[in-house]
PDB file of N, CA and C in Angstrom:
ATOM      1  N   MET A   1     128.762 121.755  30.598  1.00  0.00           N
ATOM      2  CA  MET A   1     128.286 121.926  29.237  1.00  0.00           C
ATOM      3  C   MET A   1     129.001 120.907  28.340  1.00  0.00           C
ATOM      4  N   PRO A   2     128.251 120.203  27.539  1.00  0.00           N
ATOM      5  CA  PRO A   2     128.875 119.175  26.701  1.00  0.00           C
ATOM      6  C   PRO A   2     129.709 119.776  25.568  1.00  0.00           C
ATOM      7  N   ASN A   3     130.748 119.047  25.192  1.00  0.00           N
ATOM      8  CA  ASN A   3     131.617 119.472  24.097  1.00  0.00           C
ATOM      9  C   ASN A   3     131.335 118.699  22.817  1.00  0.00           C
ATOM     10  N   ILE A   4     130.834 117.484  22.956  1.00  0.00           N
ATOM     11  CA  ILE A   4     130.594 116.620  21.798  1.00  0.00           C
ATOM     12  C   ILE A   4     129.253 116.991  21.162  1.00  0.00           C
ATOM     13  N   LYS A   5     129.237 116.951  19.825  1.00  0.00           N
ATOM     14  CA  LYS A   5     128.060 117.398  19.083  1.00  0.00           C
ATOM     15  C   LYS A   5     126.805 116.611  19.461  1.00  0.00           C
ATOM     16  N   SER A   6     126.911 115.300  19.567  1.00  0.00           N
ATOM     17  CA  SER A   6     125.737 114.478  19.893  1.00  0.00           C
ATOM     18  C   SER A   6     125.243 114.756  21.312  1.00  0.00           C
ATOM     19  N   ALA A   7     126.158 115.051  22.214  1.00  0.00           N
ATOM     20  CA  ALA A   7     125.777 115.383  23.588  1.00  0.00           C
ATOM     21  C   ALA A   7     125.053 116.727  23.631  1.00  0.00           C
ATOM     22  N   LYS A   8     125.502 117.669  22.805  1.00  0.00           N
ATOM     23  CA  LYS A   8     124.826 118.970  22.726  1.00  0.00           C
ATOM     24  C   LYS A   8     123.398 118.788  22.227  1.00  0.00           C
ATOM     25  N   LYS A   9     123.242 117.923  21.218  1.00  0.00           N
ATOM     26  CA  LYS A   9     121.901 117.660  20.678  1.00  0.00           C
ATOM     27  C   LYS A   9     121.019 117.013  21.739  1.00  0.00           C
ATOM     28  N   ARG A  10     121.568 116.089  22.499  1.00  0.00           N
ATOM     29  CA  ARG A  10     120.812 115.426  23.561  1.00  0.00           C
ATOM     30  C   ARG A  10     120.279 116.441  24.567  1.00  0.00           C
ATOM     31  N   VAL A  11     121.099 117.433  24.913  1.00  0.00           N
ATOM     32  CA  VAL A  11     120.672 118.469  25.854  1.00  0.00           C
ATOM     33  C   VAL A  11     119.471 119.225  25.289  1.00  0.00           C
ATOM     34  N   LYS A  12     119.534 119.580  23.999  1.00  0.00           N
ATOM     35  CA  LYS A  12     118.426 120.298  23.360  1.00  0.00           C
ATOM     36  C   LYS A  12     117.166 119.442  23.312  1.00  0.00           C
ATOM     37  N   VAL A  13     117.317 118.195  22.882  1.00  0.00           N
ATOM     38  CA  VAL A  13     116.169 117.293  22.742  1.00  0.00           C
ATOM     39  C   VAL A  13     115.523 117.041  24.102  1.00  0.00           C
ATOM     40  N   THR A  14     116.350 116.834  25.116  1.00  0.00           N
ATOM     41  CA  THR A  14     115.826 116.594  26.463  1.00  0.00           C
ATOM     42  C   THR A  14     115.045 117.797  26.969  1.00  0.00           C
ATOM     43  N   LYS A  15     115.544 118.983  26.694  1.00  0.00           N
ATOM     44  CA  LYS A  15     114.858 120.199  27.122  1.00  0.00           C
ATOM     45  C   LYS A  15     113.491 120.309  26.453  1.00  0.00           C
ATOM     46  N   VAL A  16     113.430 120.017  25.150  1.00  0.00           N
ATOM     47  CA  VAL A  16     112.167 120.091  24.406  1.00  0.00           C
ATOM     48  C   VAL A  16     111.183 119.050  24.920  1.00  0.00           C
ATOM     49  N   LYS A  17     111.648 117.821  25.113  1.00  0.00           N
ATOM     50  CA  LYS A  17     110.772 116.745  25.590  1.00  0.00           C
ATOM     51  C   LYS A  17     110.259 117.030  26.996  1.00  0.00           C
ATOM     52  N   ALA A  18     111.119 117.583  27.842  1.00  0.00           N
ATOM     53  CA  ALA A  18     110.698 117.922  29.201  1.00  0.00           C
ATOM     54  C   ALA A  18     109.601 118.977  29.171  1.00  0.00           C
ATOM     55  N   MET A  19     109.723 119.946  28.271  1.00  0.00           N
ATOM     56  CA  MET A  19     108.707 120.991  28.143  1.00  0.00           C
ATOM     57  C   MET A  19     107.397 120.395  27.640  1.00  0.00           C
ATOM     58  N   GLN A  20     107.477 119.473  26.673  1.00  0.00           N
ATOM     59  CA  GLN A  20     106.263 118.825  26.164  1.00  0.00           C
ATOM     60  C   GLN A  20     105.571 118.030  27.268  1.00  0.00           C
ATOM     61  N   ASN A  21     106.339 117.303  28.068  1.00  0.00           N
ATOM     62  CA  ASN A  21     105.766 116.535  29.171  1.00  0.00           C
ATOM     63  C   ASN A  21     105.116 117.455  30.193  1.00  0.00           C
ATOM     64  N   GLN A  22     105.777 118.573  30.485  1.00  0.00           N
ATOM     65  CA  GLN A  22     105.255 119.531  31.453  1.00  0.00           C
ATOM     66  C   GLN A  22     103.931 120.116  30.960  1.00  0.00           C
ATOM     67  N   MET A  23     103.855 120.440  29.676  1.00  0.00           N
ATOM     68  CA  MET A  23     102.627 121.005  29.117  1.00  0.00           C
ATOM     69  C   MET A  23     101.495 119.969  29.150  1.00  0.00           C
ATOM     70  N   ALA A  24     101.817 118.729  28.834  1.00  0.00           N
ATOM     71  CA  ALA A  24     100.796 117.680  28.829  1.00  0.00           C
ATOM     72  C   ALA A  24     100.274 117.418  30.237  1.00  0.00           C
ATOM     73  N   LYS A  25     101.157 117.411  31.226  1.00  0.00           N
ATOM     74  CA  LYS A  25     100.739 117.212  32.614  1.00  0.00           C
ATOM     75  C   LYS A  25      99.869 118.369  33.086  1.00  0.00           C
ATOM     76  N   SER A  26     100.231 119.581  32.693  1.00  0.00           N
ATOM     77  CA  SER A  26      99.462 120.763  33.071  1.00  0.00           C
ATOM     78  C   SER A  26      98.065 120.706  32.460  1.00  0.00           C
ATOM     79  N   ALA A  27      97.989 120.301  31.193  1.00  0.00           N
ATOM     80  CA  ALA A  27      96.686 120.184  30.529  1.00  0.00           C
ATOM     81  C   ALA A  27      95.830 119.119  31.210  1.00  0.00           C
ATOM     82  N   LEU A  28      96.451 118.018  31.609  1.00  0.00           N
ATOM     83  CA  LEU A  28      95.731 116.955  32.314  1.00  0.00           C
ATOM     84  C   LEU A  28      95.164 117.479  33.634  1.00  0.00           C
ATOM     85  N   LYS A  29      95.978 118.194  34.384  1.00  0.00           N
ATOM     86  CA  LYS A  29      95.526 118.743  35.660  1.00  0.00           C
ATOM     87  C   LYS A  29      94.361 119.708  35.464  1.00  0.00           C
ATOM     88  N   THR A  30      94.414 120.502  34.392  1.00  0.00           N
ATOM     89  CA  THR A  30      93.347 121.449  34.094  1.00  0.00           C
ATOM     90  C   THR A  30      92.035 120.723  33.825  1.00  0.00           C
ATOM     91  N   VAL A  31      92.100 119.648  33.034  1.00  0.00           N
ATOM     92  CA  VAL A  31      90.890 118.877  32.715  1.00  0.00           C
ATOM     93  C   VAL A  31      90.316 118.248  33.979  1.00  0.00           C
ATOM     94  N   LEU A  32      91.185 117.737  34.851  1.00  0.00           N
ATOM     95  CA  LEU A  32      90.714 117.122  36.090  1.00  0.00           C
ATOM     96  C   LEU A  32      90.086 118.162  37.018  1.00  0.00           C
ATOM     97  N   LYS A  33      90.642 119.363  37.038  1.00  0.00           N
ATOM     98  CA  LYS A  33      90.064 120.426  37.861  1.00  0.00           C
ATOM     99  C   LYS A  33      88.695 120.839  37.335  1.00  0.00           C
ATOM    100  N   LYS A  34      88.537 120.866  36.007  1.00  0.00           N
ATOM    101  CA  LYS A  34      87.239 121.194  35.420  1.00  0.00           C
ATOM    102  C   LYS A  34      86.209 120.132  35.780  1.00  0.00           C
ATOM    103  N   PHE A  35      86.615 118.864  35.804  1.00  0.00           N
ATOM    104  CA  PHE A  35      85.708 117.791  36.200  1.00  0.00           C
ATOM    105  C   PHE A  35      85.294 117.969  37.662  1.00  0.00           C
ATOM    106  N   ASP A  36      86.258 118.248  38.526  1.00  0.00           N
ATOM    107  CA  ASP A  36      85.939 118.449  39.943  1.00  0.00           C
ATOM    108  C   ASP A  36      85.005 119.636  40.144  1.00  0.00           C
ATOM    109  N   ALA A  37      85.219 120.703  39.375  1.00  0.00           N
ATOM    110  CA  ALA A  37      84.343 121.875  39.476  1.00  0.00           C
ATOM    111  C   ALA A  37      82.931 121.530  39.023  1.00  0.00           C
ATOM    112  N   ALA A  38      82.805 120.715  37.979  1.00  0.00           N
ATOM    113  CA  ALA A  38      81.484 120.306  37.499  1.00  0.00           C
ATOM    114  C   ALA A  38      80.786 119.436  38.536  1.00  0.00           C
ATOM    115  N   ILE A  39      81.535 118.601  39.222  1.00  0.00           N
ATOM    116  CA  ILE A  39      80.961 117.751  40.266  1.00  0.00           C
ATOM    117  C   ILE A  39      80.462 118.610  41.423  1.00  0.00           C
ATOM    118  N   VAL A  40      81.255 119.584  41.824  1.00  0.00           N
ATOM    119  CA  VAL A  40      80.884 120.457  42.944  1.00  0.00           C
ATOM    120  C   VAL A  40      79.643 121.280  42.604  1.00  0.00           C
ATOM    121  N   SER A  41      79.526 121.694  41.344  1.00  0.00           N
ATOM    122  CA  SER A  41      78.365 122.504  40.952  1.00  0.00           C
ATOM    123  C   SER A  41      77.068 121.698  41.004  1.00  0.00           C
ATOM    124  N   GLY A  42      77.186 120.357  40.847  1.00  0.00           N
ATOM    125  CA  GLY A  42      76.000 119.509  40.933  1.00  0.00           C
ATOM    126  C   GLY A  42      75.231 119.363  39.637  1.00  0.00           C
ATOM    127  N   ASP A  43      75.739 119.942  38.563  1.00  0.00           N
ATOM    128  CA  ASP A  43      75.066 119.855  37.259  1.00  0.00           C
ATOM    129  C   ASP A  43      75.447 118.535  36.597  1.00  0.00           C
ATOM    130  N   LYS A  44      74.455 117.638  36.479  1.00  0.00           N
ATOM    131  CA  LYS A  44      74.715 116.290  35.969  1.00  0.00           C
ATOM    132  C   LYS A  44      75.215 116.306  34.518  1.00  0.00           C
ATOM    133  N   ALA A  45      74.597 117.125  33.675  1.00  0.00           N
ATOM    134  CA  ALA A  45      74.979 117.162  32.263  1.00  0.00           C
ATOM    135  C   ALA A  45      76.414 117.684  32.088  1.00  0.00           C
ATOM    136  N   ALA A  46      76.738 118.745  32.788  1.00  0.00           N
ATOM    137  CA  ALA A  46      78.090 119.304  32.707  1.00  0.00           C
ATOM    138  C   ALA A  46      79.111 118.318  33.276  1.00  0.00           C
ATOM    139  N   ALA A  47      78.729 117.622  34.327  1.00  0.00           N
ATOM    140  CA  ALA A  47      79.631 116.648  34.950  1.00  0.00           C
ATOM    141  C   ALA A  47      79.900 115.490  33.993  1.00  0.00           C
ATOM    142  N   GLU A  48      78.866 115.045  33.264  1.00  0.00           N
ATOM    143  CA  GLU A  48      79.060 113.944  32.324  1.00  0.00           C
ATOM    144  C   GLU A  48      79.973 114.351  31.160  1.00  0.00           C
ATOM    145  N   ALA A  49      79.797 115.574  30.672  1.00  0.00           N
ATOM    146  CA  ALA A  49      80.655 116.067  29.595  1.00  0.00           C
ATOM    147  C   ALA A  49      82.099 116.190  30.076  1.00  0.00           C
ATOM    148  N   ALA A  50      82.273 116.734  31.281  1.00  0.00           N
ATOM    149  CA  ALA A  50      83.612 116.878  31.848  1.00  0.00           C
ATOM    150  C   ALA A  50      84.225 115.502  32.128  1.00  0.00           C
ATOM    151  N   TYR A  51      83.383 114.540  32.506  1.00  0.00           N
ATOM    152  CA  TYR A  51      83.852 113.180  32.778  1.00  0.00           C
ATOM    153  C   TYR A  51      84.435 112.546  31.518  1.00  0.00           C
ATOM    154  N   LYS A  52      83.726 112.691  30.403  1.00  0.00           N
ATOM    155  CA  LYS A  52      84.207 112.124  29.147  1.00  0.00           C
ATOM    156  C   LYS A  52      85.555 112.724  28.762  1.00  0.00           C
ATOM    157  N   ALA A  53      85.671 114.037  28.894  1.00  0.00           N
ATOM    158  CA  ALA A  53      86.933 114.708  28.556  1.00  0.00           C
ATOM    159  C   ALA A  53      88.054 114.269  29.499  1.00  0.00           C
ATOM    160  N   ALA A  54      87.727 114.119  30.778  1.00  0.00           N
ATOM    161  CA  ALA A  54      88.736 113.744  31.763  1.00  0.00           C
ATOM    162  C   ALA A  54      89.229 112.315  31.537  1.00  0.00           C
ATOM    163  N   VAL A  55      88.314 111.405  31.247  1.00  0.00           N
ATOM    164  CA  VAL A  55      88.710 110.012  31.005  1.00  0.00           C
ATOM    165  C   VAL A  55      89.601 109.926  29.776  1.00  0.00           C
ATOM    166  N   LYS A  56      89.249 110.672  28.729  1.00  0.00           N
ATOM    167  CA  LYS A  56      90.062 110.676  27.518  1.00  0.00           C
ATOM    168  C   LYS A  56      91.463 111.224  27.815  1.00  0.00           C
ATOM    169  N   ALA A  57      91.526 112.292  28.604  1.00  0.00           N
ATOM    170  CA  ALA A  57      92.816 112.891  28.944  1.00  0.00           C
ATOM    171  C   ALA A  57      93.670 111.944  29.782  1.00  0.00           C
ATOM    172  N   VAL A  58      93.043 111.245  30.724  1.00  0.00           N
ATOM    173  CA  VAL A  58      93.779 110.306  31.568  1.00  0.00           C
ATOM    174  C   VAL A  58      94.304 109.144  30.721  1.00  0.00           C
ATOM    175  N   ASP A  59      93.480 108.652  29.799  1.00  0.00           N
ATOM    176  CA  ASP A  59      93.927 107.568  28.921  1.00  0.00           C
ATOM    177  C   ASP A  59      95.109 107.998  28.046  1.00  0.00           C
ATOM    178  N   LYS A  60      95.047 109.217  27.531  1.00  0.00           N
ATOM    179  CA  LYS A  60      96.153 109.729  26.721  1.00  0.00           C
ATOM    180  C   LYS A  60      97.426 109.860  27.558  1.00  0.00           C
ATOM    181  N   ALA A  61      97.285 110.337  28.786  1.00  0.00           N
ATOM    182  CA  ALA A  61      98.443 110.492  29.659  1.00  0.00           C
ATOM    183  C   ALA A  61      99.073 109.134  29.965  1.00  0.00           C
ATOM    184  N   ALA A  62      98.239 108.127  30.172  1.00  0.00           N
ATOM    185  CA  ALA A  62      98.758 106.789  30.436  1.00  0.00           C
ATOM    186  C   ALA A  62      99.448 106.230  29.190  1.00  0.00           C
ATOM    187  N   ALA A  63      98.888 106.509  28.022  1.00  0.00           N
ATOM    188  CA  ALA A  63      99.485 106.024  26.775  1.00  0.00           C
ATOM    189  C   ALA A  63     100.848 106.670  26.527  1.00  0.00           C
ATOM    190  N   LYS A  64     100.997 107.920  26.951  1.00  0.00           N
ATOM    191  CA  LYS A  64     102.265 108.630  26.773  1.00  0.00           C
ATOM    192  C   LYS A  64     103.225 108.405  27.941  1.00  0.00           C
ATOM    193  N   HIS A  65     102.851 107.544  28.879  1.00  0.00           N
ATOM    194  CA  HIS A  65     103.655 107.223  30.053  1.00  0.00           C
ATOM    195  C   HIS A  65     103.872 108.427  30.960  1.00  0.00           C
ATOM    196  N   LEU A  66     102.919 109.356  30.960  1.00  0.00           N
ATOM    197  CA  LEU A  66     102.988 110.479  31.896  1.00  0.00           C
ATOM    198  C   LEU A  66     102.481 110.044  33.262  1.00  0.00           C
ATOM    199  N   MET A  67     101.676 108.996  33.271  1.00  0.00           N
ATOM    200  CA  MET A  67     101.233 108.390  34.521  1.00  0.00           C
ATOM    201  C   MET A  67     101.154 106.884  34.297  1.00  0.00           C
ATOM    202  N   HIS A  68     101.290 106.136  35.369  1.00  0.00           N
ATOM    203  CA  HIS A  68     101.253 104.677  35.270  1.00  0.00           C
ATOM    204  C   HIS A  68      99.847 104.217  34.906  1.00  0.00           C
ATOM    205  N   LYS A  69      99.749 103.108  34.194  1.00  0.00           N
ATOM    206  CA  LYS A  69      98.434 102.643  33.741  1.00  0.00           C
ATOM    207  C   LYS A  69      97.531 102.294  34.913  1.00  0.00           C
ATOM    208  N   ASN A  70      98.093 101.787  36.007  1.00  0.00           N
ATOM    209  CA  ASN A  70      97.270 101.472  37.176  1.00  0.00           C
ATOM    210  C   ASN A  70      96.809 102.752  37.876  1.00  0.00           C
ATOM    211  N   ALA A  71      97.645 103.763  37.886  1.00  0.00           N
ATOM    212  CA  ALA A  71      97.255 105.057  38.453  1.00  0.00           C
ATOM    213  C   ALA A  71      96.128 105.663  37.627  1.00  0.00           C
ATOM    214  N   ALA A  72      96.206 105.474  36.308  1.00  0.00           N
ATOM    215  CA  ALA A  72      95.145 105.975  35.427  1.00  0.00           C
ATOM    216  C   ALA A  72      93.834 105.253  35.706  1.00  0.00           C
ATOM    217  N   SER A  73      93.890 103.945  35.867  1.00  0.00           N
ATOM    218  CA  SER A  73      92.684 103.170  36.171  1.00  0.00           C
ATOM    219  C   SER A  73      92.094 103.599  37.507  1.00  0.00           C
ATOM    220  N   ASN A  74      92.953 103.810  38.473  1.00  0.00           N
ATOM    221  CA  ASN A  74      92.493 104.245  39.795  1.00  0.00           C
ATOM    222  C   ASN A  74      91.822 105.609  39.704  1.00  0.00           C
ATOM    223  N   LYS A  75      92.414 106.505  38.928  1.00  0.00           N
ATOM    224  CA  LYS A  75      91.864 107.856  38.752  1.00  0.00           C
ATOM    225  C   LYS A  75      90.499 107.792  38.079  1.00  0.00           C
ATOM    226  N   LYS A  76      90.379 106.971  37.025  1.00  0.00           N
ATOM    227  CA  LYS A  76      89.108 106.844  36.306  1.00  0.00           C
ATOM    228  C   LYS A  76      88.032 106.236  37.202  1.00  0.00           C
ATOM    229  N   SER A  77      88.417 105.267  38.009  1.00  0.00           N
ATOM    230  CA  SER A  77      87.463 104.640  38.922  1.00  0.00           C
ATOM    231  C   SER A  77      86.944 105.649  39.945  1.00  0.00           C
ATOM    232  N   ALA A  78      87.844 106.444  40.477  1.00  0.00           N
ATOM    233  CA  ALA A  78      87.451 107.464  41.456  1.00  0.00           C
ATOM    234  C   ALA A  78      86.524 108.502  40.819  1.00  0.00           C
ATOM    235  N   MET A  79      86.828 108.878  39.569  1.00  0.00           N
ATOM    236  CA  MET A  79      85.974 109.855  38.871  1.00  0.00           C
ATOM    237  C   MET A  79      84.593 109.273  38.619  1.00  0.00           C
ATOM    238  N   THR A  80      84.522 107.988  38.270  1.00  0.00           N
ATOM    239  CA  THR A  80      83.247 107.336  38.028  1.00  0.00           C
ATOM    240  C   THR A  80      82.401 107.321  39.293  1.00  0.00           C
ATOM    241  N   LEU A  81      83.018 107.020  40.415  1.00  0.00           N
ATOM    242  CA  LEU A  81      82.293 107.016  41.689  1.00  0.00           C
ATOM    243  C   LEU A  81      81.761 108.410  42.015  1.00  0.00           C
ATOM    244  N   LYS A  82      82.573 109.431  41.766  1.00  0.00           N
ATOM    245  CA  LYS A  82      82.127 110.805  42.013  1.00  0.00           C
ATOM    246  C   LYS A  82      80.952 111.173  41.108  1.00  0.00           C
ATOM    247  N   LEU A  83      81.034 110.774  39.826  1.00  0.00           N
ATOM    248  CA  LEU A  83      79.971 111.065  38.886  1.00  0.00           C
ATOM    249  C   LEU A  83      78.664 110.376  39.290  1.00  0.00           C
ATOM    250  N   ASN A  84      78.764 109.121  39.706  1.00  0.00           N
ATOM    251  CA  ASN A  84      77.568 108.384  40.105  1.00  0.00           C
ATOM    252  C   ASN A  84      76.948 108.951  41.378  1.00  0.00           C
ATOM    253  N   ALA A  85      77.763 109.551  42.234  1.00  0.00           N
ATOM    254  CA  ALA A  85      77.248 110.137  43.469  1.00  0.00           C
ATOM    255  C   ALA A  85      76.470 111.426  43.203  1.00  0.00           C
ATOM    256  N   VAL A  86      76.733 112.087  42.077  1.00  0.00           N
ATOM    257  CA  VAL A  86      76.044 113.350  41.769  1.00  0.00           C
ATOM    258  C   VAL A  86      74.578 113.114  41.503  1.00  0.00           C
ATOM    259  N   GLY A  87      74.251 112.040  40.762  1.00  0.00           N
ATOM    260  CA  GLY A  87      72.917 111.724  40.310  1.00  0.00           C
ATOM    261  C   GLY A  87      71.844 111.978  41.291  1.00  0.00           C
TER     262      GLY A  87
END
């Protein structure tokens, strides 16, 4: 346990930031699961709506450095291929 005031603050700030990152990652996973469920159902309109939400979420995650920008591009490309296969 830290004794210095600034070190104590760092512990608090790190805990808060870690929780924010965890919540953002969880929300991203939820959006991606909804997209996969829409793809499995075969409903083109629902899949397109879920695709838009998923791409936006992936872009936000990459902007916040929750995932690497190349990983985000790879994820979006894979989602696009899945969406085009539904048609």
